[in-house]
Amino acid sequence: MNGAAFEPYVPLNVPKPVCDDVWIVDGPEIRFSKFGLSAPFPTRMTVVRLPGGDLWLHSPTEPAEKLFARVAPLGRVRFLIAPNTLHYWWVLEWKDRFPEAEVYAAPRLDKSAKRKLPIDHMLTDTPPPAWSGAIDQAVVPGDLLTEVVFFHRASRTLVLTDLIENFEPERIRHWFLRQISRFGGVTDPDGSAPIDMRLSFWRHRALVRRAVETMLAWNPERVVLAHGRWYERNGTAELRRAFRWVL
């Protein structure tokens, strides 16, 4: 497969406003290897400005000096979030660029990370004092991955990583990848967790269901995803649809 597999969400490496104090940054396409196979993925970072002006960066994308320069005026980069056991690769470079930032990582990532990761704190169901009252969170445990989900109270924005993937078929440039995405259950308008990931949650389904019920109780208006089209409205309804496999 030559060239980029996905039509990018341009402009890349530019903070795009979602609502007050929330931005997304669409990054370059990456390739992820699993079971000996390599698959392309578009990437996305979420930036939240906390009360007081500190920045909270979720799933930092590939570093670039122009991106650093565009993020810095939004506030002081203070928290770097590795939200699950797959999304952590670029945290080290962001930490090197912003050494005062603290790194928060998903459970088990301290044991499973495949590269050096300067973890300061492990994430739990309880928000740390640094953002308690501004952002809620919940752990979704699984065998393939464990993910921590976040809810920005003021804007009613839920931030997910891999628990919902929602690739737009018209943006997938290769027919075979379109077919695989459809088979995996990760295409718009019915994006969800990939089938293999759903199966990996089987032993933990009661805990996953409880986490999903927590997300529904937050009643989000919008849901930001790391991969594919995110939901600008009707967030709670999209959650109920996407997680019907566990409800």
Foldseek 3Di string as FASTA:
>chain_A
DDDDQFQFPPPALAWDDLDPQKTKGWHQWDWDDDPRDIDIFTFMKMWGQAVVFEIAIELDDADDPVSVVNPPVSGQDAEYEQFKLPRDVCQVVVCVVRVNHAYEYEPPNVPRPPDDDPHDYYDAQQDDPVHPPQKGWHWQDFDVMIGIWIAGQVQLEIEDEQQWAEAELVGRDDPVVSVVCVQQQRYPPRTGHGPVRLVRCVVVLVRNVVRLVVSLVSVGQWYHYTGHDTGSGPVSVSSCRRVVVRD
